Amino acid sequence: MKQKIVIKVSTDGQRFRPAKAMKIVIHLLKLMLPYDIIWKKSSISTAKITTKAMKIAVTSPGVASVALTGEEKNQLVVTGEGVDAVNLTRLIRQTVGFAELLSLGPDGEKK
């Protein structure tokens, strides 16, 4: 039986980390180390983020199709048999950034 998985991916390039906590850590490091700390923010385009997320989804075992949906094109719809939704979400979260599993259920298409 085919299943349909919807995963919301953050396409703004931000990982799910509070900025205030990072500022506190940087401040503490500046106090402890005699060196200047240079913090570089890497900005990746939305197209690269979605491409990476889709590549991860396509290479997962059991995936039949992957599509982008939603108003902002930030939702991955993955269909296939025997796809591990939690593992897929974890892999996307590790490589791309914030990812949230929105829904998991049977595919509604009829043949």
Protein backbone atom coordinates (compact mmCIF):
# COMPACT_ATOMS: atom_id res chain seq x y z
CA MET A 1 0.00 0.00 0.00
CA LYS A 2 1.37 3.36 -1.03
CA GLN A 3 1.73 6.02 1.61
CA LYS A 4 1.87 9.80 1.32
CA ILE A 5 4.27 11.80 3.51
CA VAL A 6 4.22 15.61 3.73
CA ILE A 7 7.34 17.29 5.17
CA LYS A 8 7.66 21.05 5.67
CA VAL A 9 11.19 22.29 4.97
CA SER A 10 12.61 25.66 6.04
CA THR A 11 13.65 27.41 2.82
CA ASP A 12 15.00 30.60 4.37
CA GLY A 13 18.38 29.03 5.07
CA GLN A 14 18.02 29.25 8.84
CA ARG A 15 18.59 26.25 10.97
CA PHE A 16 16.36 25.85 13.97
CA ARG A 17 18.64 27.46 16.54
CA PRO A 18 17.77 30.38 18.75
CA ALA A 19 19.85 33.42 17.85
CA LYS A 20 20.01 34.62 21.45
CA ALA A 21 21.69 31.41 22.61
CA MET A 22 24.31 31.70 19.88
CA LYS A 23 25.05 35.30 20.88
CA ILE A 24 25.56 34.21 24.49
CA VAL A 25 27.94 31.42 23.44
CA ILE A 26 29.95 33.79 21.25
CA HIS A 27 30.14 36.34 24.07
CA LEU A 28 31.42 33.68 26.49
CA LEU A 29 34.01 32.49 23.99
CA LYS A 30 35.23 36.06 23.50
CA LEU A 31 35.72 36.36 27.25
CA MET A 32 37.59 33.06 27.53
CA LEU A 33 39.78 33.23 24.41
CA PRO A 34 42.23 36.01 23.59
CA TYR A 35 41.41 35.69 19.89
CA ASP A 36 38.80 37.45 17.82
CA ILE A 37 35.91 35.25 16.82
CA ILE A 38 34.59 35.74 13.34
CA TRP A 39 31.10 34.39 12.83
CA LYS A 40 30.17 33.86 9.21
CA LYS A 41 26.61 33.32 8.19
CA SER A 42 26.29 31.21 5.11
CA SER A 43 23.36 32.01 2.95
CA ILE A 44 22.16 29.32 0.60
CA SER A 45 19.56 30.08 -2.02
CA THR A 46 16.06 28.64 -1.76
CA ALA A 47 16.60 26.63 -4.94
CA LYS A 48 19.67 24.90 -3.50
CA ILE A 49 17.86 24.07 -0.26
CA THR A 50 14.88 22.53 -2.04
CA THR A 51 17.18 20.68 -4.45
CA LYS A 52 19.13 19.15 -1.55
CA ALA A 53 15.92 18.12 0.23
CA MET A 54 14.52 16.55 -2.94
CA LYS A 55 17.78 14.65 -3.59
CA ILE A 56 17.66 13.20 -0.09
CA ALA A 57 14.02 12.18 -0.54
CA VAL A 58 14.59 10.60 -3.95
CA THR A 59 17.55 8.51 -2.77
CA SER A 60 15.58 7.04 0.16
CA PRO A 61 14.50 3.42 -0.38
CA GLY A 62 10.90 2.86 -1.43
CA VAL A 63 10.21 6.37 -2.75
CA ALA A 64 8.13 6.46 -5.93
CA SER A 65 7.70 10.23 -6.41
CA VAL A 66 8.59 13.56 -4.81
CA ALA A 67 6.84 16.89 -5.40
CA LEU A 68 6.96 20.43 -4.00
CA THR A 69 3.65 21.92 -2.88
CA GLY A 70 2.33 24.72 -0.70
CA GLU A 71 2.08 28.45 -1.21
CA GLU A 72 5.79 28.98 -0.67
CA LYS A 73 6.82 25.66 -2.29
CA ASN A 74 8.25 24.53 1.03
CA GLN A 75 6.37 21.26 1.46
CA LEU A 76 7.76 18.00 0.13
CA VAL A 77 5.13 15.41 -0.78
CA VAL A 78 6.76 11.99 -0.89
CA THR A 79 4.84 8.91 -2.06
CA GLY A 80 6.02 5.34 -2.04
CA GLU A 81 5.87 1.96 -0.35
CA GLY A 82 7.75 1.22 2.85
CA VAL A 83 9.22 4.70 3.26
CA ASP A 84 10.45 5.46 6.78
CA ALA A 85 8.98 8.93 7.40
CA VAL A 86 10.85 9.61 10.63
CA ASN A 87 14.22 8.64 9.18
CA LEU A 88 13.57 10.73 6.06
CA THR A 89 12.65 13.78 8.16
CA ARG A 90 15.75 13.28 10.31
CA LEU A 91 18.02 13.10 7.26
CA ILE A 92 16.54 16.27 5.79
CA ARG A 93 16.86 18.02 9.14
CA GLN A 94 20.55 17.06 9.41
CA THR A 95 21.56 18.28 5.96
CA VAL A 96 19.18 21.11 5.08
CA GLY A 97 17.99 22.57 8.35
CA PHE A 98 14.60 22.71 10.00
CA ALA A 99 12.18 20.04 8.76
CA GLU A 100 8.82 19.11 10.22
CA LEU A 101 6.71 16.04 9.48
CA LEU A 102 3.22 17.41 8.74
CA SER A 103 1.25 14.32 7.77
CA LEU A 104 1.58 10.63 7.10
CA GLY A 105 -1.16 8.53 5.59
CA PRO A 106 -2.27 6.36 2.70
CA ASP A 107 -2.02 7.79 -0.80
CA GLY A 108 -5.47 8.96 -1.92
CA GLU A 109 -5.00 8.33 -5.65
CA LYS A 110 -7.23 5.74 -7.31
CA LYS A 111 -6.25 3.89 -10.45
